[in-house]
């Protein structure tokens, strides 16, 4: 493997130098876009008015370019590019990653990085534990895996081409692999990013290893990565980036293990307030987990509208203009969602559930012969705008009951997210327009 294909996360330094020169030229010419980029990224730029004269220098434009790419300075950008190049050189020279010294298992909430790990020279075994615990029932009950299989088969079975028996087998195998990992491997590496999909699975893993820990347990947990597009997950990254993240891995502390256990217990509880309390207090040993818990709690119905945050974001996008489901998904992931966690099948399930309410908040139609679900164009209705404005409670339209962890959401009374206090409250009644029955 000698080819190095283009990637938004492979930064060409010469290209960035040219971009900095072009940006400086635009700034000196009074270009509005160049001025706005300085206002957003440069710490000395003012929100309004003319740019200070001392910013019209190449070094200041280079700083803006570096910050746009996710790095704090131009020297840090140069060092990052050099490190990526060196890691690539090690890979193509056949320099194996150092996961061979002891029996090693890599655990990931999907198979997305498996080919890149192999290309990067890793030789350890791989366990995929990809049950999306951020959706559906997650219960403190002996049959919880069976309940998960029922939910996943109904929600996603057709989309992934797996029947209920196959899904149940996959879940049981992943859980068995997790439970036996500490006995079978000397070292376990956890590969997760910062969103609720990943972090709740991380909590499940940590809860298990709090019961039986391997000799060595390390964590790669990425909240971002320098590049020319928004970082969503490890699956976006080229092999040399995984080598650098491996080098930066950290041992999992006892505090982190106990935090994972506490989160796993709270996630399965029928009362979401303890989970929200953990999010509010923060988790010093695992800062990304605390932020992901807050985002997870925001999938509860909100006070004021009854919408989850994802449902609200979908309606906000449609209030701007009609969009296909695929367009809405892209806008959510790349622009609007504060902590991207959805897969395409997840947004499909949310859209289908919203369609099942007693009165429509949007309509759907196909413009051409392609009737694959991402091509369905959604148009918000007057009722949808009323729900978005808080004039009609979404739950008064009787959308399908569903689960969020251990919490069942099915009308009133129900737990709701209060954005004003960043906490969970219990609401006893719904409100509705007189025209809605």
Protein backbone atom coordinates (compact mmCIF):
# COMPACT_ATOMS: atom_id res chain seq x y z
CA UNK A 1 0.00 0.00 0.00
CA UNK A 2 1.79 3.11 -1.26
CA UNK A 3 -1.05 5.25 -2.61
CA UNK A 4 -2.16 8.00 -0.27
CA UNK A 5 -5.62 9.05 -1.43
CA UNK A 6 -7.05 12.46 -0.66
CA UNK A 7 -8.92 12.85 2.63
CA UNK A 8 -10.36 15.88 4.44
CA UNK A 9 -8.19 14.76 7.36
CA UNK A 10 -4.97 14.63 5.31
CA UNK A 11 -3.80 18.25 5.29
CA UNK A 12 -1.46 19.49 2.56
CA UNK A 13 0.70 22.22 4.03
CA UNK A 14 1.50 23.89 0.71
CA UNK A 15 -2.19 24.05 -0.10
CA UNK A 16 -2.86 25.70 3.26
CA UNK A 17 -0.11 28.25 2.64
CA UNK A 18 -1.82 29.20 -0.61
CA UNK A 19 -5.18 29.42 1.15
CA UNK A 20 -3.66 31.75 3.73
CA UNK A 21 -2.28 34.01 0.99
CA UNK A 22 -5.66 34.08 -0.74
CA UNK A 23 -7.37 34.87 2.56
CA UNK A 24 -4.98 37.74 3.24
CA UNK A 25 -5.53 39.10 -0.26
CA UNK A 26 -9.28 39.02 0.31
CA UNK A 27 -8.97 40.73 3.69
CA UNK A 28 -6.89 43.56 2.23
CA UNK A 29 -9.44 43.97 -0.57
CA UNK A 30 -12.29 44.29 1.92
CA UNK A 31 -13.90 40.99 0.92
CA UNK A 32 -16.87 40.32 3.22
CA UNK A 33 -16.28 36.56 3.41
CA UNK A 34 -12.63 37.03 4.38
CA UNK A 35 -13.60 39.54 7.06
CA UNK A 36 -16.21 37.18 8.45
CA UNK A 37 -13.69 34.33 8.64
CA UNK A 38 -11.38 36.56 10.66
CA UNK A 39 -14.24 37.57 12.96
CA UNK A 40 -15.12 33.94 13.61
CA UNK A 41 -11.61 32.56 14.06
CA UNK A 42 -9.15 35.29 15.02
CA UNK A 43 -9.02 36.11 18.76
CA UNK A 44 -8.23 39.78 18.10
CA UNK A 45 -10.90 40.42 15.47
CA UNK A 46 -13.90 42.53 16.47
CA UNK A 47 -17.47 41.45 15.83
CA UNK A 48 -18.27 44.57 13.81
CA UNK A 49 -16.32 47.30 12.10
CA UNK A 50 -13.02 47.36 10.26
CA UNK A 51 -10.30 44.81 10.91
CA UNK A 52 -7.34 46.17 12.92
CA UNK A 53 -4.42 47.00 10.63
CA UNK A 54 -2.08 44.60 12.42
CA UNK A 55 -4.24 41.64 11.35
CA UNK A 56 -3.51 42.22 7.64
CA UNK A 57 -0.39 40.06 7.74
CA UNK A 58 0.32 36.59 6.41
CA UNK A 59 1.00 35.20 9.87
CA UNK A 60 -2.47 36.29 11.03
CA UNK A 61 -4.13 34.73 7.98
CA UNK A 62 -2.22 31.52 8.69
CA UNK A 63 -3.60 31.58 12.24
CA UNK A 64 -7.15 31.79 10.87
CA UNK A 65 -6.49 28.88 8.50
CA UNK A 66 -5.07 26.77 11.35
CA UNK A 67 -8.07 27.48 13.58
CA UNK A 68 -10.50 26.65 10.77
CA UNK A 69 -8.80 23.27 10.51
CA UNK A 70 -9.11 22.65 14.25
CA UNK A 71 -5.65 23.61 15.45
CA UNK A 72 -4.75 26.54 17.75
CA UNK A 73 -1.83 27.95 15.73
CA UNK A 74 0.14 27.69 12.49
CA UNK A 75 3.12 26.02 14.23
CA UNK A 76 0.72 23.41 15.66
CA UNK A 77 -0.65 22.86 12.17
CA UNK A 78 2.85 22.32 10.78
CA UNK A 79 3.71 19.90 13.59
CA UNK A 80 0.48 17.95 13.02
CA UNK A 81 1.13 17.63 9.28
CA UNK A 82 4.67 16.45 9.97
CA UNK A 83 3.41 13.86 12.47
CA UNK A 84 0.84 12.56 9.98
CA UNK A 85 3.52 12.30 7.29
CA UNK A 86 5.87 10.44 9.60
CA UNK A 87 3.12 8.03 10.65
CA UNK A 88 2.32 7.37 6.99
CA UNK A 89 5.97 6.71 6.24
CA UNK A 90 6.08 4.16 9.05
CA UNK A 91 3.01 2.43 7.67
CA UNK A 92 4.21 2.13 4.08
CA UNK A 93 7.64 0.97 5.24
CA UNK A 94 5.98 -1.97 7.01
CA UNK A 95 6.65 -0.72 10.53
CA UNK A 96 3.98 -2.57 12.50
CA UNK A 97 1.98 -0.91 15.26
CA UNK A 98 3.12 -1.98 18.71
CA UNK A 99 0.00 -3.94 19.69
CA UNK A 100 1.87 -7.22 19.22
CA UNK A 101 3.77 -7.37 22.50
CA UNK A 102 0.83 -8.87 24.40
CA UNK A 103 -2.53 -10.46 23.58
CA UNK A 104 -4.58 -7.41 22.54
CA UNK A 105 -8.27 -6.82 21.81
CA UNK A 106 -9.56 -3.67 20.12
CA UNK A 107 -13.19 -2.84 20.99
CA UNK A 108 -15.23 -0.46 18.84
CA UNK A 109 -18.93 0.38 18.48
CA UNK A 110 -18.92 -0.64 14.82
CA UNK A 111 -16.74 -2.09 12.11
CA UNK A 112 -15.89 1.25 10.49
CA UNK A 113 -12.23 1.41 11.56
CA UNK A 114 -11.41 -2.28 11.11
CA UNK A 115 -9.87 -1.93 7.61
CA UNK A 116 -7.93 1.18 8.63
CA UNK A 117 -6.56 -0.54 11.73
CA UNK A 118 -5.24 -3.34 9.54
CA UNK A 119 -3.80 -0.87 7.04
CA UNK A 120 -2.16 0.97 9.93
CA UNK A 121 -0.34 -2.19 10.95
CA UNK A 122 -2.39 -3.31 13.95
CA UNK A 123 -2.58 -7.07 14.49
CA UNK A 124 -4.74 -7.48 17.60
CA UNK A 125 -8.18 -9.06 17.60
CA UNK A 126 -11.28 -6.92 17.09
CA UNK A 127 -14.65 -6.94 18.89
CA UNK A 128 -17.58 -5.01 17.47
CA UNK A 129 -20.07 -3.96 20.15
CA UNK A 130 -22.43 -1.79 18.14
CA UNK A 131 -25.81 -1.94 19.87
CA UNK A 132 -27.09 1.70 19.79
CA UNK A 133 -27.95 2.05 23.47
CA UNK A 134 -28.83 5.71 22.82
CA UNK A 135 -32.17 4.55 21.38
CA UNK A 136 -34.81 2.11 22.53
CA UNK A 137 -35.23 0.17 25.77
CA UNK A 138 -32.18 -0.49 27.93
CA UNK A 139 -33.51 -2.21 31.01
CA UNK A 140 -32.18 -3.59 34.26
CA UNK A 141 -33.80 -6.97 33.65
CA UNK A 142 -32.62 -10.52 32.87
CA UNK A 143 -34.18 -10.37 29.38
CA UNK A 144 -32.74 -6.99 28.44
CA UNK A 145 -30.89 -8.38 25.41
CA UNK A 146 -34.08 -9.98 24.14
CA UNK A 147 -35.86 -6.63 24.48
CA UNK A 148 -33.01 -5.01 22.57
CA UNK A 149 -33.33 -7.60 19.80
CA UNK A 150 -37.06 -6.92 19.51
CA UNK A 151 -36.46 -3.18 19.23
CA UNK A 152 -33.59 -3.41 16.76
CA UNK A 153 -35.36 -5.92 14.53
CA UNK A 154 -38.49 -3.80 14.37
CA UNK A 155 -36.65 -0.49 13.88
CA UNK A 156 -33.67 -1.42 11.72
CA UNK A 157 -33.86 -5.07 10.71
CA UNK A 158 -35.03 -4.42 7.16
CA UNK A 159 -32.50 -1.63 6.68
CA UNK A 160 -29.52 -3.76 7.72
CA UNK A 161 -30.78 -6.96 6.10
CA UNK A 162 -30.91 -8.91 9.38
CA UNK A 163 -33.86 -10.77 10.87
CA UNK A 164 -34.69 -10.89 14.53
CA UNK A 165 -32.88 -14.19 15.16
CA UNK A 166 -29.72 -12.90 13.49
CA UNK A 167 -29.83 -9.66 15.46
CA UNK A 168 -30.35 -11.54 18.72
CA UNK A 169 -27.37 -13.73 17.87
CA UNK A 170 -25.20 -10.70 17.12
CA UNK A 171 -26.14 -9.08 20.44
CA UNK A 172 -25.48 -12.24 22.43
CA UNK A 173 -22.11 -12.78 20.74
CA UNK A 174 -21.00 -9.19 21.39
CA UNK A 175 -22.08 -9.34 25.02
CA UNK A 176 -20.35 -12.70 25.51
CA UNK A 177 -17.20 -11.32 23.91
CA UNK A 178 -17.26 -8.34 26.24
CA UNK A 179 -17.82 -10.45 29.35
CA UNK A 180 -14.98 -12.85 28.52
CA UNK A 181 -12.50 -10.23 27.25
CA UNK A 182 -10.63 -9.68 30.51
CA UNK A 183 -9.94 -13.40 30.84
CA UNK A 184 -8.82 -13.87 27.23
CA UNK A 185 -6.67 -10.76 26.67
CA UNK A 186 -3.87 -9.07 28.53
CA UNK A 187 -4.58 -5.68 26.99
CA UNK A 188 -7.83 -4.13 25.77
CA UNK A 189 -8.06 -0.92 23.76
CA UNK A 190 -11.37 0.97 23.68
CA UNK A 191 -11.86 3.10 20.53
CA UNK A 192 -14.69 5.63 20.94
CA UNK A 193 -15.54 9.17 20.00
CA UNK A 194 -17.47 11.80 21.92
CA UNK A 195 -21.14 11.35 20.98
CA UNK A 196 -23.89 9.57 22.89
CA UNK A 197 -23.89 6.55 20.55
CA UNK A 198 -20.26 5.83 21.42
CA UNK A 199 -20.14 7.03 24.99
CA UNK A 200 -23.10 4.98 26.22
CA UNK A 201 -21.53 1.84 24.76
CA UNK A 202 -18.28 2.91 26.42
CA UNK A 203 -20.18 3.10 29.74
CA UNK A 204 -21.43 -0.46 29.20
CA UNK A 205 -17.87 -1.65 28.55
CA UNK A 206 -16.50 0.16 31.59
CA UNK A 207 -19.25 -1.25 33.80
CA UNK A 208 -18.24 -4.74 32.72
CA UNK A 209 -14.54 -4.08 33.31
CA UNK A 210 -15.33 -2.62 36.71
CA UNK A 211 -16.41 -6.17 37.56
CA UNK A 212 -13.39 -7.87 35.96
CA UNK A 213 -10.57 -5.71 34.61
CA UNK A 214 -7.86 -6.87 32.21
CA UNK A 215 -4.20 -6.46 33.08
CA UNK A 216 -4.16 -3.34 30.93
CA UNK A 217 -7.09 -1.24 29.73
CA UNK A 218 -6.49 1.80 27.51
CA UNK A 219 -8.85 4.32 25.94
CA UNK A 220 -8.77 6.23 22.67
CA UNK A 221 -11.56 8.79 22.96
CA UNK A 222 -11.53 11.49 20.30
CA UNK A 223 -13.57 14.68 20.57
CA UNK A 224 -12.20 16.04 17.30
CA UNK A 225 -9.50 15.74 14.70
CA UNK A 226 -7.86 18.42 12.52
CA UNK A 227 -9.26 18.49 9.03
CA UNK A 228 -11.21 20.26 6.33
CA UNK A 229 -14.62 18.96 7.38
CA UNK A 230 -16.51 18.41 10.62
CA UNK A 231 -15.22 15.51 12.68
CA UNK A 232 -18.04 13.08 13.40
CA UNK A 233 -16.31 9.81 14.09
CA UNK A 234 -13.18 7.69 13.92
CA UNK A 235 -14.43 6.03 10.76
CA UNK A 236 -13.66 9.22 8.84
CA UNK A 237 -9.96 9.05 9.63
CA UNK A 238 -7.12 7.62 7.52
CA UNK A 239 -4.82 4.90 8.90
CA UNK A 240 -2.00 7.24 9.94
CA UNK A 241 -4.46 9.21 12.11
CA UNK A 242 -5.28 6.01 13.99
CA UNK A 243 -1.56 5.47 14.58
CA UNK A 244 -1.31 8.95 16.14
CA UNK A 245 -4.40 8.35 18.28
CA UNK A 246 -2.90 5.03 19.39
CA UNK A 247 0.23 6.87 20.49
CA UNK A 248 -1.95 9.27 22.51
CA UNK A 249 -4.08 6.59 24.20
CA UNK A 250 -4.53 6.79 27.97
CA UNK A 251 -4.94 4.15 30.67
CA UNK A 252 -8.42 3.82 32.14
CA UNK A 253 -8.44 4.78 35.81
CA UNK A 254 -10.41 3.19 38.62
CA UNK A 255 -12.46 6.39 38.81
CA UNK A 256 -13.36 5.98 35.14
CA UNK A 257 -14.42 2.37 35.70
CA UNK A 258 -16.67 3.35 38.56
CA UNK A 259 -18.11 6.25 36.56
CA UNK A 260 -18.96 3.84 33.77
CA UNK A 261 -20.70 1.56 36.24
CA UNK A 262 -22.71 4.49 37.66
CA UNK A 263 -23.77 5.65 34.20
CA UNK A 264 -24.77 2.14 33.14
CA UNK A 265 -26.96 1.80 36.23
CA UNK A 266 -28.53 5.23 35.73
CA UNK A 267 -29.18 4.66 32.02
CA UNK A 268 -31.36 1.63 32.80
CA UNK A 269 -33.42 3.34 35.51
CA UNK A 270 -37.05 4.38 34.88
CA UNK A 271 -36.33 7.76 36.48
CA UNK A 272 -33.89 9.79 34.32
CA UNK A 273 -33.01 12.32 37.03
CA UNK A 274 -29.92 10.43 38.30
CA UNK A 275 -28.57 10.28 34.73
CA UNK A 276 -29.22 14.00 34.29
CA UNK A 277 -27.54 14.59 37.64
CA UNK A 278 -24.40 12.82 36.46
CA UNK A 279 -24.43 14.97 33.33
CA UNK A 280 -24.85 18.17 35.33
CA UNK A 281 -22.12 17.32 37.83
CA UNK A 282 -19.71 16.27 35.10
CA UNK A 283 -17.47 13.24 35.09
CA UNK A 284 -13.87 14.40 35.62
CA UNK A 285 -12.41 11.01 34.77
CA UNK A 286 -14.36 10.93 31.48
CA UNK A 287 -15.28 14.49 30.41
CA UNK A 288 -16.74 13.40 27.07
CA UNK A 289 -19.11 11.00 28.80
CA UNK A 290 -20.67 13.81 30.86
CA UNK A 291 -21.34 15.91 27.74
CA UNK A 292 -22.80 12.89 25.92
CA UNK A 293 -25.16 12.18 28.83
CA UNK A 294 -26.50 15.73 28.63
CA UNK A 295 -27.15 15.30 24.92
CA UNK A 296 -28.83 11.96 25.59
CA UNK A 297 -31.16 13.54 28.13
CA UNK A 298 -32.10 16.16 25.54
CA UNK A 299 -33.81 13.37 23.58
CA UNK A 300 -36.52 13.43 26.25
CA UNK A 301 -39.52 15.61 25.38
CA UNK A 302 -38.75 19.25 26.15
CA UNK A 303 -40.85 21.51 28.28
CA UNK A 304 -42.63 24.02 26.07
CA UNK A 305 -42.99 21.88 22.94
CA UNK A 306 -42.87 18.18 23.84
CA UNK A 307 -40.31 17.65 21.07
CA UNK A 308 -36.98 15.94 21.56
CA UNK A 309 -34.00 17.96 20.39
CA UNK A 310 -33.68 15.86 17.23
CA UNK A 311 -37.38 16.25 16.42
CA UNK A 312 -37.09 19.99 16.94
CA UNK A 313 -34.03 20.26 14.71
CA UNK A 314 -35.84 18.35 11.95
CA UNK A 315 -38.84 20.71 12.11
CA UNK A 316 -36.55 23.74 12.18
CA UNK A 317 -34.86 22.56 8.99
CA UNK A 318 -38.22 21.98 7.32
CA UNK A 319 -39.48 25.38 8.49
CA UNK A 320 -36.70 26.95 6.42
CA UNK A 321 -37.60 25.01 3.25
CA UNK A 322 -38.77 21.56 2.16
CA UNK A 323 -35.97 19.00 2.22
CA UNK A 324 -35.53 15.35 1.41
CA UNK A 325 -34.86 13.05 4.34
CA UNK A 326 -31.31 12.65 3.04
CA UNK A 327 -30.80 16.42 2.90
CA UNK A 328 -32.16 16.82 6.41
CA UNK A 329 -29.82 14.12 7.67
CA UNK A 330 -26.79 15.76 6.04
CA UNK A 331 -27.70 19.16 7.48
CA UNK A 332 -28.17 17.68 10.94
CA UNK A 333 -24.84 15.87 10.96
CA UNK A 334 -22.69 18.53 9.35
CA UNK A 335 -24.31 21.72 10.65
CA UNK A 336 -27.12 21.65 13.22
CA UNK A 337 -26.63 18.72 15.60
CA UNK A 338 -24.45 19.88 18.50
CA UNK A 339 -23.05 16.39 19.11
CA UNK A 340 -23.64 14.18 16.04
CA UNK A 341 -24.80 10.71 17.06
CA UNK A 342 -27.34 9.57 14.46
CA UNK A 343 -26.92 7.01 11.72
CA UNK A 344 -29.00 7.32 8.56
CA UNK A 345 -31.29 4.50 9.69
CA UNK A 346 -31.81 6.24 13.02
CA UNK A 347 -33.08 9.42 11.41
CA UNK A 348 -35.29 7.33 9.16
CA UNK A 349 -36.87 5.71 12.22
CA UNK A 350 -37.41 9.11 13.86
CA UNK A 351 -39.03 10.53 10.72
CA UNK A 352 -41.29 7.48 10.39
CA UNK A 353 -42.35 7.80 14.04
CA UNK A 354 -43.17 11.48 13.53
CA UNK A 355 -45.33 10.51 10.55
CA UNK A 356 -47.33 8.18 12.77
CA UNK A 357 -48.77 10.99 14.93
CA UNK A 358 -52.55 11.49 14.73
CA UNK A 359 -52.15 14.72 12.74
CA UNK A 360 -49.24 15.50 10.40
CA UNK A 361 -46.50 17.98 11.29
CA UNK A 362 -45.03 17.48 7.82
CA UNK A 363 -46.05 15.83 4.58
CA UNK A 364 -43.92 13.63 2.36
CA UNK A 365 -43.76 13.11 -1.39
CA UNK A 366 -41.40 11.71 -4.03
CA UNK A 367 -40.55 13.93 -6.97
CA UNK A 368 -39.33 11.23 -9.37
CA UNK A 369 -39.08 7.51 -9.92
CA UNK A 370 -36.51 7.03 -7.16
CA UNK A 371 -38.67 6.16 -4.16
CA UNK A 372 -35.84 5.14 -1.85
CA UNK A 373 -36.52 6.71 1.53
CA UNK A 374 -33.70 9.32 1.50
CA UNK A 375 -35.37 10.90 -1.58
CA UNK A 376 -38.70 11.59 0.14
CA UNK A 377 -39.24 15.35 0.26
CA UNK A 378 -40.73 16.61 3.52
CA UNK A 379 -42.77 19.82 3.82
CA UNK A 380 -43.77 21.26 7.18
CA UNK A 381 -47.50 21.80 7.84
CA UNK A 382 -49.14 24.67 9.72
CA UNK A 383 -49.54 22.27 12.63
CA UNK A 384 -45.83 21.52 12.49
CA UNK A 385 -45.09 25.22 12.75
CA UNK A 386 -47.48 25.48 15.71
CA UNK A 387 -45.70 22.64 17.49
CA UNK A 388 -42.34 24.24 16.79
CA UNK A 389 -43.63 27.54 18.21
CA UNK A 390 -44.85 25.85 21.40
CA UNK A 391 -48.51 26.49 20.61
CA UNK A 392 -49.32 22.76 20.47
CA UNK A 393 -47.69 20.08 22.60
CA UNK A 394 -46.16 17.43 20.34
CA UNK A 395 -47.20 14.64 22.71
CA UNK A 396 -50.84 15.75 22.48
CA UNK A 397 -50.71 14.49 18.88
CA UNK A 398 -50.04 10.98 20.21
CA UNK A 399 -46.82 10.00 18.47
CA UNK A 400 -45.89 6.34 19.05
CA UNK A 401 -44.70 5.43 22.53
CA UNK A 402 -40.99 4.74 22.69
CA UNK A 403 -38.12 4.11 25.10
CA UNK A 404 -35.05 6.12 25.96
CA UNK A 405 -32.91 3.82 28.08
CA UNK A 406 -35.05 2.82 31.03
CA UNK A 407 -37.59 5.60 30.44
CA UNK A 408 -40.83 4.92 28.57
CA UNK A 409 -42.23 7.99 26.81
CA UNK A 410 -45.96 7.69 26.19
CA UNK A 411 -47.95 10.86 26.84
CA UNK A 412 -48.64 12.30 30.28
CA UNK A 413 -47.32 12.15 32.91
CA UNK A 414 -43.83 12.10 31.47
CA UNK A 415 -40.30 13.18 32.16
CA UNK A 416 -39.16 16.25 30.26
CA UNK A 417 -35.96 18.13 29.65
CA UNK A 418 -36.02 21.68 31.02
CA UNK A 419 -33.47 23.67 29.02
CA UNK A 420 -33.70 26.66 31.36
CA UNK A 421 -32.37 24.65 34.30
CA UNK A 422 -30.55 21.94 32.31
CA UNK A 423 -32.42 19.33 34.32
CA UNK A 424 -35.17 16.74 34.05
CA UNK A 425 -38.62 17.52 35.44
CA UNK A 426 -41.88 15.58 35.56
CA UNK A 427 -44.90 17.02 33.75
CA UNK A 428 -48.36 15.82 34.70
CA UNK A 429 -50.41 17.23 31.80
CA UNK A 430 -50.22 18.06 28.11
CA UNK A 431 -51.50 21.13 26.36
CA UNK A 432 -53.10 21.21 22.93
CA UNK A 433 -54.84 23.48 20.50
CA UNK A 434 -58.64 23.30 20.64
CA UNK A 435 -58.56 22.18 17.02
CA UNK A 436 -56.53 19.05 17.80
CA UNK A 437 -58.32 16.00 19.19
